Amino acid sequence: MSFKEHLVNLVLSFRPFPAVTSAATLAAAPGDGGGEDRLSALPDDLRRNIVSHLPITDAVRTTALSTGWRGIWRSAPLVLYDQHIPGATAPEHVAAINSVLDSHPGPIPILTAHLVAFDFKPHEPELAEWSQILASRDVEDLVLITRPMMRMFEKLTLPADILRCEKLRRLELGFWAFPDTTNLPGGLGGFPDLQELAILCTHIADSDLDRMLDSSPALEKLVLATSFEVPGRVRLRGEKLERAIFCASRVVEIAVEAAPCLERLVMWDMIPSESEPPGAGVRIAGAAPALKVLGYLDTRVHQLRFGDNSAVITVQADTNPSPRSRVPSVKILAIKVDFNVFSQVQMLLSFLRCFPNVETLHVESAVPDDESTEDQNAELFENLGPIECVRFHITKVFLYGLRGCQSEMALLKYLALRAIQLQKLTLVLPYENLGSDGENGNGNNIIAQLHDLLQPEWASEACKVLLQRPVSRLICSFDKAFYLSIQDPFLKEDGEVLFYYMKMREHDVN
């Protein structure tokens, strides 16, 4: 798969599931279809609602049922998913969309429009016309993803009329260049009802993103994915903002400024910025009383900062945090670290000190296969003092990509001997080490090391220890991060268990 194909597939993976499905079937319905027609006796408003929940091709077919149905679809609020339109070519898709829109003249509202099936570049006149229609017809749910062909990094400018769709509740944009809202004719419209905003592989300036956030007081969910150039600095704020998700993006800084309801700040596969100094900052400028889920903090990429621009505290490796650089609300923390690099191991420990009440810890080991760990990294844990979250609160630890290097095992030993609340320790082998037959030659060596780890008395009363094969690579999991019903967005599927042991504390019978 080429880079372009991979990027397009990644962007498309962020699409919301259609509220209308074309997979349903009535094949199991009893009878031969010759029974009494009760649907036609229903009130028109109810029949319009039914038709709006059909795939577009089935909805159109209802016009041929009888004279009583002929006008129902044309007067029903429009729900349009272009992936439900049959047609092998982009011109056929465009012609079908034009026909659907022509069949629904104003003022009939457009509830949903998901246009994702083709490249808009050859169809800019139609795109401009559709944008005007969408703005005038109060579209509420809009997903607009173009399919770039050879012009992967030559973005098509988003029509300004899209930014005048003031009734939007969800807006998702993929592979666009955001228009300059500073000199936008008529200015940037407000989005009083916008709850979800996803910017995917779209060039948007810092100032334009700021204006979008300022214009969206009801925003709850923000996604920024595959952003390689701009925005450079993202300022998270909003009275109702609950979730902010970043994936495969290069940013200079993510700043939590005024987001009292922010519960999740999720960052997957972040790319180091080319700024000076290199890396990316995660800055908590004000109080974050609701922040429960944070990660992945990458010790190779991220600098953790606290405070506003006038007084910023940067967390340094192997330092104790000040009262201003502690976030007691965080319960689930994910960190990526190269255990071969001494400063990164120190930074891992510094990060842990900033979140005193963490209960679930995810650690991804980024140790390259061709490197060997240094003794000093392992020795660091031998002289390490207590860390509050480890000592009193952590109940679950997940370590992914375990290679059995000295520093990894030293961390596990430290946790075993210090974490009095530890109930479950899950260790997952590296995905890339699996052979074609699913075997991992290092697994037996790690099992032997685990037997050594289990010899001394552990701090907790009882802890379940598992060694597993991975099910898949660690990749962006949009759904897990997006939905609050999934408590831990970093939790992976269980793989084959290679080792299991219930470690119990031995009590003195005397």
Protein backbone atom coordinates (compact mmCIF):
# COMPACT_ATOMS: atom_id res chain seq x y z
CA MET A 1 0.00 0.00 0.00
CA SER A 2 1.36 3.41 -0.97
CA PHE A 3 1.68 6.29 1.48
CA LYS A 4 -1.18 8.10 -0.27
CA GLU A 5 -3.48 5.08 0.00
CA HIS A 6 -2.55 4.60 3.66
CA LEU A 7 -3.26 8.26 4.41
CA VAL A 8 -6.61 8.23 2.62
CA ASN A 9 -7.64 5.06 4.47
CA LEU A 10 -6.60 6.59 7.79
CA VAL A 11 -8.67 9.72 7.16
CA LEU A 12 -11.67 7.67 6.04
CA SER A 13 -11.41 5.59 9.22
CA PHE A 14 -12.45 8.68 11.18
CA ARG A 15 -15.81 8.84 9.41
CA PRO A 16 -18.78 8.43 11.74
CA PHE A 17 -20.90 5.36 11.24
CA PRO A 18 -23.89 6.15 9.00
CA ALA A 19 -27.17 6.46 10.84
CA VAL A 20 -28.69 4.79 7.77
CA THR A 21 -27.51 1.35 6.66
CA SER A 22 -27.76 -0.34 3.29
CA ALA A 23 -26.97 -3.73 4.83
CA ALA A 24 -30.44 -4.34 6.26
CA THR A 25 -32.67 -6.91 4.60
CA LEU A 26 -36.34 -7.87 4.67
CA ALA A 27 -35.64 -11.34 3.31
CA ALA A 28 -36.70 -12.92 6.59
CA ALA A 29 -40.04 -11.11 6.70
CA PRO A 30 -42.99 -13.56 6.61
CA GLY A 31 -45.56 -13.57 3.84
CA ASP A 32 -45.49 -13.02 0.11
CA GLY A 33 -46.02 -9.26 0.19
CA GLY A 34 -49.72 -9.52 -0.61
CA GLY A 35 -50.99 -8.47 2.81
CA GLU A 36 -52.76 -5.32 3.88
CA ASP A 37 -50.87 -2.06 3.28
CA ARG A 38 -50.81 -0.39 6.67
CA LEU A 39 -47.88 1.97 5.97
CA SER A 40 -49.83 4.04 3.47
CA ALA A 41 -52.41 4.79 6.15
CA LEU A 42 -49.83 6.39 8.42
CA PRO A 43 -49.71 10.19 8.77
CA ASP A 44 -47.50 11.93 6.20
CA ASP A 45 -45.05 13.23 8.82
CA LEU A 46 -44.44 9.70 10.11
CA ARG A 47 -43.95 8.36 6.58
CA ARG A 48 -41.46 11.15 5.87
CA ASN A 49 -39.54 10.15 8.97
CA ILE A 50 -39.47 6.52 7.83
CA VAL A 51 -38.25 7.44 4.34
CA SER A 52 -35.50 9.63 5.81
CA HIS A 53 -34.09 6.56 7.55
CA LEU A 54 -33.75 4.56 4.32
CA PRO A 55 -30.63 4.39 2.13
CA ILE A 56 -30.97 6.99 -0.60
CA THR A 57 -31.62 4.46 -3.39
CA ASP A 58 -34.41 2.78 -1.40
CA ALA A 59 -35.87 6.15 -0.44
CA VAL A 60 -36.08 7.14 -4.12
CA ARG A 61 -37.85 3.87 -4.96
CA THR A 62 -40.70 4.73 -2.58
CA THR A 63 -41.87 7.35 -5.10
CA ALA A 64 -42.93 4.49 -7.40
CA LEU A 65 -45.04 2.67 -4.81
CA SER A 66 -48.25 4.59 -5.42
CA THR A 67 -49.59 8.09 -5.99
CA GLY A 68 -49.89 8.44 -2.21
CA TRP A 69 -46.14 7.91 -1.81
CA ARG A 70 -44.99 9.97 -4.79
CA GLY A 71 -44.46 13.18 -2.91
CA ILE A 72 -43.37 11.76 0.46
CA TRP A 73 -39.63 11.42 -0.24
CA ARG A 74 -39.44 14.78 -2.07
CA SER A 75 -40.92 16.53 0.96
CA ALA A 76 -38.97 14.57 3.59
CA PRO A 77 -35.88 15.99 5.33
CA LEU A 78 -32.91 14.79 3.28
CA VAL A 79 -30.39 12.28 4.64
CA LEU A 80 -27.68 11.71 2.02
CA TYR A 81 -24.72 9.31 2.26
CA ASP A 82 -23.03 9.27 -1.12
CA GLN A 83 -21.45 5.86 -0.45
CA HIS A 84 -25.00 4.49 -0.82
CA ILE A 85 -25.23 5.83 -4.39
CA PRO A 86 -24.44 3.14 -6.97
CA GLY A 87 -22.08 4.19 -9.70
CA ALA A 88 -18.52 3.32 -10.56
CA THR A 89 -17.34 6.75 -11.67
CA ALA A 90 -17.14 10.17 -10.07
CA PRO A 91 -19.29 11.81 -12.80
CA GLU A 92 -22.05 9.30 -12.07
CA HIS A 93 -21.86 10.13 -8.37
CA VAL A 94 -21.98 13.85 -9.13
CA ALA A 95 -24.97 13.44 -11.45
CA ALA A 96 -26.81 11.40 -8.82
CA ILE A 97 -26.14 13.99 -6.10
CA ASN A 98 -27.37 16.77 -8.40
CA SER A 99 -30.54 14.79 -9.08
CA VAL A 100 -31.16 14.20 -5.37
CA LEU A 101 -30.67 17.88 -4.50
CA ASP A 102 -32.88 18.99 -7.42
CA SER A 103 -35.60 16.68 -6.12
CA HIS A 104 -35.49 18.40 -2.72
CA PRO A 105 -36.05 22.10 -3.34
CA GLY A 106 -36.01 24.58 -0.50
CA PRO A 107 -37.13 25.09 2.16
CA ILE A 108 -36.97 21.33 2.84
CA PRO A 109 -34.07 20.89 5.32
CA ILE A 110 -31.00 18.74 4.72
CA LEU A 111 -30.35 16.86 7.93
CA THR A 112 -27.29 14.89 6.83
CA ALA A 113 -24.82 15.07 3.93
CA HIS A 114 -21.79 12.77 3.88
CA LEU A 115 -19.88 13.35 0.63
CA VAL A 116 -16.73 11.22 0.67
CA ALA A 117 -16.70 9.04 -2.44
CA PHE A 118 -14.66 10.98 -5.03
CA ASP A 119 -12.16 13.74 -5.78
CA PHE A 120 -13.86 17.14 -5.79
CA LYS A 121 -11.11 18.86 -7.81
CA PRO A 122 -12.63 18.15 -11.27
CA HIS A 123 -16.06 19.16 -9.94
CA GLU A 124 -15.43 22.55 -8.32
CA PRO A 125 -18.46 24.24 -9.96
CA GLU A 126 -20.78 21.57 -8.54
CA LEU A 127 -19.02 21.81 -5.16
CA ALA A 128 -19.61 25.57 -5.05
CA GLU A 129 -23.30 25.09 -5.87
CA TRP A 130 -23.74 22.32 -3.31
CA SER A 131 -22.08 24.43 -0.63
CA GLN A 132 -24.59 27.23 -1.19
CA ILE A 133 -27.45 24.75 -1.01
CA LEU A 134 -26.13 23.18 2.19
CA ALA A 135 -25.77 26.59 3.84
CA SER A 136 -29.24 27.72 2.83
CA ARG A 137 -30.93 24.48 3.86
CA ASP A 138 -29.65 24.29 7.43
CA VAL A 139 -27.57 21.11 7.13
CA GLU A 140 -26.87 19.65 10.58
CA ASP A 141 -24.47 16.76 9.93
CA LEU A 142 -21.82 17.41 7.26
CA VAL A 143 -18.88 15.18 6.35
CA LEU A 144 -16.87 16.47 3.39
CA ILE A 145 -13.81 14.40 2.43
CA THR A 146 -12.27 14.76 -1.00
CA ARG A 147 -10.25 11.93 -2.55
CA PRO A 148 -6.98 13.51 -3.73
CA MET A 149 -5.37 11.76 -6.66
CA MET A 150 -1.85 12.91 -7.61
CA ARG A 151 -2.09 16.17 -5.64
CA MET A 152 -1.69 14.74 -2.13
CA PHE A 153 -0.11 17.90 -0.72
CA GLU A 154 -1.82 20.36 -3.08
CA LYS A 155 -4.97 21.02 -1.11
CA LEU A 156 -8.28 22.11 -2.62
CA THR A 157 -9.66 25.23 -0.92
CA LEU A 158 -12.80 24.63 1.10
CA PRO A 159 -15.71 26.74 -0.21
CA ALA A 160 -16.40 29.64 2.14
CA ASP A 161 -20.13 28.86 2.10
CA ILE A 162 -19.44 25.74 4.16
CA LEU A 163 -18.50 28.08 7.00
CA ARG A 164 -21.96 29.65 6.82
CA CYS A 165 -23.79 26.45 7.71
CA GLU A 166 -24.91 27.83 11.05
CA LYS A 167 -27.11 24.88 12.07
CA LEU A 168 -24.28 22.36 12.03
CA ARG A 169 -24.03 19.87 14.86
CA ARG A 170 -21.19 17.88 13.29
CA LEU A 171 -18.56 19.02 10.79
CA GLU A 172 -15.84 16.73 9.46
CA LEU A 173 -13.39 17.90 6.79
CA GLY A 174 -10.74 15.84 5.00
CA PHE A 175 -7.96 16.90 2.57
CA TRP A 176 -8.82 20.60 2.29
CA ALA A 177 -7.14 23.97 2.60
CA PHE A 178 -9.13 26.01 5.08
CA PRO A 179 -10.01 29.49 3.76
CA ASP A 180 -8.51 32.54 5.42
CA THR A 181 -11.27 33.59 7.80
CA THR A 182 -9.64 36.98 8.45
CA ASN A 183 -10.79 38.40 5.12
CA LEU A 184 -13.73 36.11 4.52
CA PRO A 185 -16.53 38.01 2.72
CA GLY A 186 -19.31 38.38 5.23
CA GLY A 187 -17.06 37.08 8.00
CA LEU A 188 -17.05 33.69 9.69
CA GLY A 189 -20.48 32.50 10.68
CA GLY A 190 -21.24 31.32 14.18
CA PHE A 191 -21.87 27.68 15.04
CA PRO A 192 -24.05 27.80 18.16
CA ASP A 193 -25.04 24.11 17.90
CA LEU A 194 -21.76 22.56 16.69
CA GLN A 195 -20.81 19.66 18.97
CA GLU A 196 -18.26 17.71 16.87
CA LEU A 197 -15.44 19.13 14.76
CA ALA A 198 -12.92 16.94 12.92
CA ILE A 199 -10.06 18.45 10.90
CA LEU A 200 -8.40 15.65 8.92
CA CYS A 201 -5.30 16.21 6.77
CA THR A 202 -6.51 19.76 6.30
CA HIS A 203 -4.33 22.86 6.16
CA ILE A 204 -5.74 25.28 8.74
CA ALA A 205 -3.90 28.24 10.24
CA ASP A 206 -3.69 28.69 14.01
CA SER A 207 -5.82 31.83 13.85
CA ASP A 208 -8.53 30.12 11.79
CA LEU A 209 -8.76 27.20 14.21
CA ASP A 210 -8.95 29.70 17.08
CA ARG A 211 -11.88 31.45 15.38
CA MET A 212 -13.64 28.14 14.79
CA LEU A 213 -13.34 27.23 18.47
CA ASP A 214 -14.43 30.70 19.57
CA SER A 215 -17.46 30.45 17.25
CA SER A 216 -18.53 27.06 18.61
CA PRO A 217 -19.65 27.48 22.25
CA ALA A 218 -21.37 24.06 22.32
CA LEU A 219 -18.35 22.11 21.03
CA GLU A 220 -17.80 18.84 22.91
CA LYS A 221 -15.47 16.84 20.62
CA LEU A 222 -12.44 18.00 18.64
CA VAL A 223 -10.34 15.79 16.35
CA LEU A 224 -7.14 16.85 14.60
CA ALA A 225 -5.55 14.08 12.55
CA THR A 226 -2.77 13.74 9.94
CA SER A 227 -1.91 17.42 10.19
CA PHE A 228 1.68 17.76 8.97
CA GLU A 229 2.06 21.52 8.59
CA VAL A 230 -0.47 23.67 10.42
CA PRO A 231 -1.98 24.32 12.86
CA GLY A 232 1.22 24.75 14.81
CA ARG A 233 -0.30 25.67 18.15
CA VAL A 234 -3.67 24.39 19.31
CA ARG A 235 -5.35 26.22 22.18
CA LEU A 236 -8.01 24.02 23.74
CA ARG A 237 -10.80 26.02 25.26
CA GLY A 238 -14.54 25.90 25.51
CA GLU A 239 -17.01 25.61 28.35
CA LYS A 240 -18.35 22.29 27.04
CA LEU A 241 -15.28 20.73 25.40
CA GLU A 242 -14.97 17.16 26.71
CA ARG A 243 -12.70 15.30 24.27
CA ALA A 244 -9.69 16.39 22.22
CA ILE A 245 -8.07 13.77 19.99
CA PHE A 246 -4.86 14.15 18.00
CA CYS A 247 -3.52 11.50 15.65
CA ALA A 248 -0.40 11.42 13.45
CA SER A 249 0.00 15.19 13.60
CA ARG A 250 2.90 17.59 13.92
CA VAL A 251 2.18 20.44 16.32
CA VAL A 252 4.44 22.78 18.25
CA GLU A 253 2.15 22.94 21.27
CA ILE A 254 -1.18 21.69 22.56
CA ALA A 255 -2.33 24.04 25.30
CA VAL A 256 -5.21 23.31 27.67
CA GLU A 257 -6.28 26.86 28.47
CA ALA A 258 -9.92 27.17 29.47
CA ALA A 259 -11.61 23.79 29.20
CA PRO A 260 -13.24 23.04 32.57
CA CYS A 261 -15.10 19.99 31.20
CA LEU A 262 -12.18 18.43 29.28
CA GLU A 263 -12.08 14.75 30.27
CA ARG A 264 -9.82 13.29 27.58
CA LEU A 265 -6.70 14.51 25.84
CA VAL A 266 -5.65 11.65 23.56
CA MET A 267 -2.56 11.79 21.33
CA TRP A 268 -1.59 8.95 18.98
CA ASP A 269 1.61 8.74 16.94
CA MET A 270 2.50 12.40 17.25
CA ILE A 271 5.23 13.66 14.93
CA PRO A 272 8.07 15.82 16.30
CA SER A 273 7.84 19.41 15.13
CA GLU A 274 10.76 20.99 13.32
CA SER A 275 10.71 24.02 15.60
CA GLU A 276 13.48 25.09 17.96
CA PRO A 277 13.77 23.28 20.27
CA PRO A 278 12.44 20.26 18.38
CA GLY A 279 9.56 18.33 19.81
CA ALA A 280 6.04 19.18 20.84
CA GLY A 281 4.75 20.81 23.98
CA VAL A 282 1.75 19.76 26.01
CA ARG A 283 0.94 22.74 28.21
CA ILE A 284 -1.71 22.84 30.91
CA ALA A 285 -2.20 26.56 31.27
CA GLY A 286 -5.00 26.55 33.82
CA ALA A 287 -6.92 24.23 36.05
CA ALA A 288 -8.06 20.99 34.41
CA PRO A 289 -10.46 19.70 37.07
CA ALA A 290 -12.19 17.14 34.82
CA LEU A 291 -9.15 15.72 32.97
CA LYS A 292 -9.21 11.97 33.62
CA VAL A 293 -7.53 10.44 30.55
CA LEU A 294 -4.19 11.62 29.13
CA GLY A 295 -1.79 10.04 26.65
CA TYR A 296 0.24 9.02 24.92
CA LEU A 297 2.83 11.35 26.37
CA ASP A 298 5.93 10.48 24.35
CA THR A 299 9.23 11.03 26.16
CA ARG A 300 10.91 11.24 22.74
CA VAL A 301 8.63 14.03 21.50
CA HIS A 302 6.70 15.77 24.24
CA GLN A 303 7.67 18.45 26.69
CA LEU A 304 5.18 18.75 29.54
CA ARG A 305 4.58 22.32 30.65
CA PHE A 306 2.37 24.09 33.15
CA GLY A 307 1.25 27.71 33.42
CA ASP A 308 0.43 30.55 31.06
CA ASN A 309 2.88 32.27 28.75
CA SER A 310 4.05 34.66 31.45
CA ALA A 311 5.18 31.91 33.83
CA VAL A 312 5.71 28.51 32.24
CA ILE A 313 7.14 25.55 34.17
CA THR A 314 8.70 22.85 31.98
CA VAL A 315 8.96 19.41 33.55
CA GLN A 316 12.58 18.27 33.45
CA ALA A 317 13.96 14.76 33.57
CA ASP A 318 14.57 13.45 37.09
CA THR A 319 12.92 16.34 38.93
CA ASN A 320 10.16 16.56 41.50
CA PRO A 321 7.10 18.57 40.45
CA SER A 322 6.03 21.75 42.13
CA PRO A 323 2.43 22.11 43.35
CA ARG A 324 1.68 24.00 40.11
CA SER A 325 2.79 21.07 37.97
CA ARG A 326 0.51 18.39 39.38
CA VAL A 327 -2.82 17.24 37.90
CA PRO A 328 -4.63 15.19 40.54
CA SER A 329 -7.69 14.49 38.36
CA VAL A 330 -5.92 12.16 35.87
CA LYS A 331 -6.83 8.50 36.47
CA ILE A 332 -5.66 6.89 33.20
CA LEU A 333 -2.21 7.76 31.86
CA ALA A 334 -0.37 6.46 28.78
CA ILE A 335 3.35 7.04 28.14
CA LYS A 336 5.72 5.99 25.35
CA VAL A 337 9.42 5.66 26.23
CA ASP A 338 12.67 4.33 24.80
CA PHE A 339 14.12 2.44 27.76
CA ASN A 340 17.58 2.58 26.17
CA VAL A 341 17.81 6.36 26.58
CA PHE A 342 18.65 7.38 30.14
CA SER A 343 17.03 10.82 29.89
CA GLN A 344 13.81 9.30 28.59
CA VAL A 345 13.61 6.86 31.49
CA GLN A 346 14.13 9.80 33.84
CA MET A 347 11.39 11.73 32.03
CA LEU A 348 9.02 8.77 32.42
CA LEU A 349 9.47 9.00 36.18
CA SER A 350 9.02 12.79 36.14
CA PHE A 351 5.77 12.40 34.21
CA LEU A 352 4.50 9.91 36.79
CA ARG A 353 5.21 12.38 39.61
CA CYS A 354 2.97 14.99 37.93
CA PHE A 355 -0.11 12.77 38.12
CA PRO A 356 -0.36 11.58 41.74
CA ASN A 357 -3.73 9.80 41.48
CA VAL A 358 -3.23 7.64 38.38
CA GLU A 359 -4.97 4.27 38.71
CA THR A 360 -4.31 2.75 35.27
CA LEU A 361 -0.91 3.10 33.60
CA HIS A 362 -0.17 2.20 29.97
CA VAL A 363 3.49 2.16 28.90
CA GLU A 364 4.63 1.50 25.34
CA SER A 365 8.27 0.47 25.07
CA ALA A 366 9.92 2.05 22.04
CA VAL A 367 13.25 0.23 22.37
CA PRO A 368 14.69 -0.48 18.89
CA ASP A 369 15.38 -4.15 18.23
CA ASP A 370 19.03 -3.57 17.34
CA GLU A 371 19.99 -1.73 20.53
CA SER A 372 20.99 -3.04 23.93
CA THR A 373 20.10 -1.29 27.16
CA GLU A 374 22.72 0.25 29.40
CA ASP A 375 23.16 -0.83 33.01
CA GLN A 376 22.77 2.72 34.33
CA ASN A 377 19.14 2.81 33.13
CA ALA A 378 18.33 -0.26 35.22
CA GLU A 379 20.31 1.04 38.19
CA LEU A 380 18.16 4.17 38.21
CA PHE A 381 15.23 2.21 39.66
CA GLU A 382 17.32 0.65 42.43
CA ASN A 383 17.86 4.02 44.12
CA LEU A 384 14.48 5.49 43.22
CA GLY A 385 12.35 6.92 46.00
CA PRO A 386 8.58 6.57 46.27
CA ILE A 387 6.27 7.98 43.60
CA GLU A 388 2.83 8.80 44.95
CA CYS A 389 0.67 7.26 42.22
CA VAL A 390 2.76 4.08 42.21
CA ARG A 391 2.78 3.77 45.97
CA PHE A 392 -0.89 4.40 46.69
CA HIS A 393 -3.15 4.37 43.62
CA ILE A 394 -2.07 2.33 40.59
CA THR A 395 -4.18 -0.83 40.24
CA LYS A 396 -3.51 -1.78 36.61
CA VAL A 397 -0.34 -1.61 34.50
CA PHE A 398 -0.05 -2.46 30.80
CA LEU A 399 3.40 -2.66 29.19
CA TYR A 400 3.36 -3.02 25.39
CA GLY A 401 6.30 -4.04 23.22
CA LEU A 402 8.10 -5.86 26.04
CA ARG A 403 11.51 -7.05 24.85
CA GLY A 404 12.90 -8.05 28.24
CA CYS A 405 15.66 -5.44 28.36
CA GLN A 406 17.16 -4.55 31.74
CA SER A 407 15.36 -1.23 32.09
CA GLU A 408 11.97 -2.73 31.32
CA MET A 409 12.46 -5.46 33.90
CA ALA A 410 13.78 -2.92 36.40
CA LEU A 411 10.59 -0.87 36.01
CA LEU A 412 8.47 -3.99 36.54
CA LYS A 413 10.44 -4.86 39.67
CA TYR A 414 10.00 -1.33 41.02
CA LEU A 415 6.24 -1.52 40.46
CA ALA A 416 6.00 -4.98 42.01
CA LEU A 417 7.84 -3.96 45.18
CA ARG A 418 6.21 -0.53 45.61
CA ALA A 419 2.62 -0.59 44.27
CA ILE A 420 0.47 -1.67 47.21
CA GLN A 421 -2.79 -1.44 45.19
CA LEU A 422 -1.56 -3.29 42.09
CA GLN A 423 -4.15 -5.87 40.97
CA LYS A 424 -3.24 -6.63 37.35
CA LEU A 425 0.01 -6.52 35.38
CA THR A 426 -0.42 -7.16 31.64
CA LEU A 427 2.68 -7.55 29.47
CA VAL A 428 2.45 -7.66 25.67
CA LEU A 429 5.21 -8.79 23.31
CA PRO A 430 6.27 -6.63 20.33
CA TYR A 431 4.15 -7.03 17.23
CA GLU A 432 7.05 -6.75 14.80
CA ASN A 433 8.88 -9.70 16.37
CA LEU A 434 6.16 -12.20 15.54
CA GLY A 435 7.12 -14.64 12.83
CA SER A 436 4.84 -15.93 10.11
CA ASP A 437 3.94 -18.87 12.33
CA GLY A 438 3.03 -16.58 15.24
CA GLU A 439 6.02 -17.68 17.31
CA ASN A 440 8.16 -15.27 19.26
CA GLY A 441 11.57 -16.58 20.15
CA ASN A 442 12.03 -14.04 22.92
CA GLY A 443 8.88 -15.18 24.72
CA ASN A 444 10.57 -18.03 26.59
CA ASN A 445 13.37 -15.75 27.74
CA ILE A 446 10.87 -13.24 29.09
CA ILE A 447 8.94 -15.98 30.88
CA ALA A 448 12.17 -17.00 32.61
CA GLN A 449 12.67 -13.37 33.68
CA LEU A 450 9.12 -13.25 35.00
CA HIS A 451 9.81 -16.26 37.20
CA ASP A 452 12.69 -14.30 38.73
CA LEU A 453 10.44 -11.26 39.14
CA LEU A 454 7.89 -13.33 41.04
CA GLN A 455 10.37 -14.62 43.63
CA PRO A 456 10.40 -11.72 46.14
CA GLU A 457 7.42 -10.56 48.17
CA TRP A 458 5.28 -8.04 46.26
CA ALA A 459 3.72 -4.96 47.83
CA SER A 460 0.12 -5.78 46.90
CA GLU A 461 -2.10 -8.44 48.44
CA ALA A 462 -2.83 -10.13 45.12
CA CYS A 463 -1.86 -9.36 41.54
CA LYS A 464 -2.71 -11.14 38.30
CA VAL A 465 0.30 -11.32 35.93
CA LEU A 466 -0.20 -12.03 32.21
CA LEU A 467 2.14 -12.25 29.23
CA GLN A 468 0.35 -12.00 25.90
CA ARG A 469 0.98 -11.95 22.21
CA PRO A 470 -0.28 -8.78 20.52
CA VAL A 471 -3.43 -8.88 18.43
CA SER A 472 -2.40 -5.97 16.23
CA ARG A 473 -0.11 -2.98 16.10
CA LEU A 474 -0.75 0.00 18.35
CA ILE A 475 -2.67 2.36 16.07
CA CYS A 476 -5.09 5.24 16.40
CA SER A 477 -8.36 4.02 17.88
CA PHE A 478 -10.78 6.81 17.12
CA ASP A 479 -13.91 5.12 18.41
CA LYS A 480 -12.35 4.16 21.73
CA ALA A 481 -11.14 7.70 22.31
CA PHE A 482 -14.32 9.38 21.13
CA TYR A 483 -16.99 7.63 23.16
CA LEU A 484 -17.10 8.17 26.91
CA SER A 485 -18.93 4.86 27.30
CA ILE A 486 -15.53 3.23 26.63
CA GLN A 487 -13.82 4.00 29.92
CA ASP A 488 -10.23 3.32 28.84
CA PRO A 489 -9.43 4.30 25.22
CA PHE A 490 -5.91 2.83 25.41
CA LEU A 491 -7.05 -0.68 26.31
CA LYS A 492 -6.20 -3.23 23.60
CA GLU A 493 -7.83 -6.50 22.68
CA ASP A 494 -6.54 -9.50 24.57
CA GLY A 495 -4.09 -11.65 22.65
CA GLU A 496 -3.06 -15.25 23.24
CA VAL A 497 -1.92 -15.72 26.83
CA LEU A 498 1.59 -17.20 27.03
CA PHE A 499 1.99 -16.94 30.79
CA TYR A 500 -0.41 -16.48 33.69
CA TYR A 501 0.26 -16.29 37.41
CA MET A 502 -1.65 -15.03 40.41
CA LYS A 503 0.89 -13.52 42.77
CA MET A 504 -0.34 -13.65 46.36
CA ARG A 505 1.28 -12.10 49.39
CA GLU A 506 2.51 -14.64 51.88
CA HIS A 507 1.11 -13.93 55.35
CA ASP A 508 3.00 -14.78 58.52
CA VAL A 509 0.90 -17.41 60.31
CA ASN A 510 2.51 -16.38 63.61
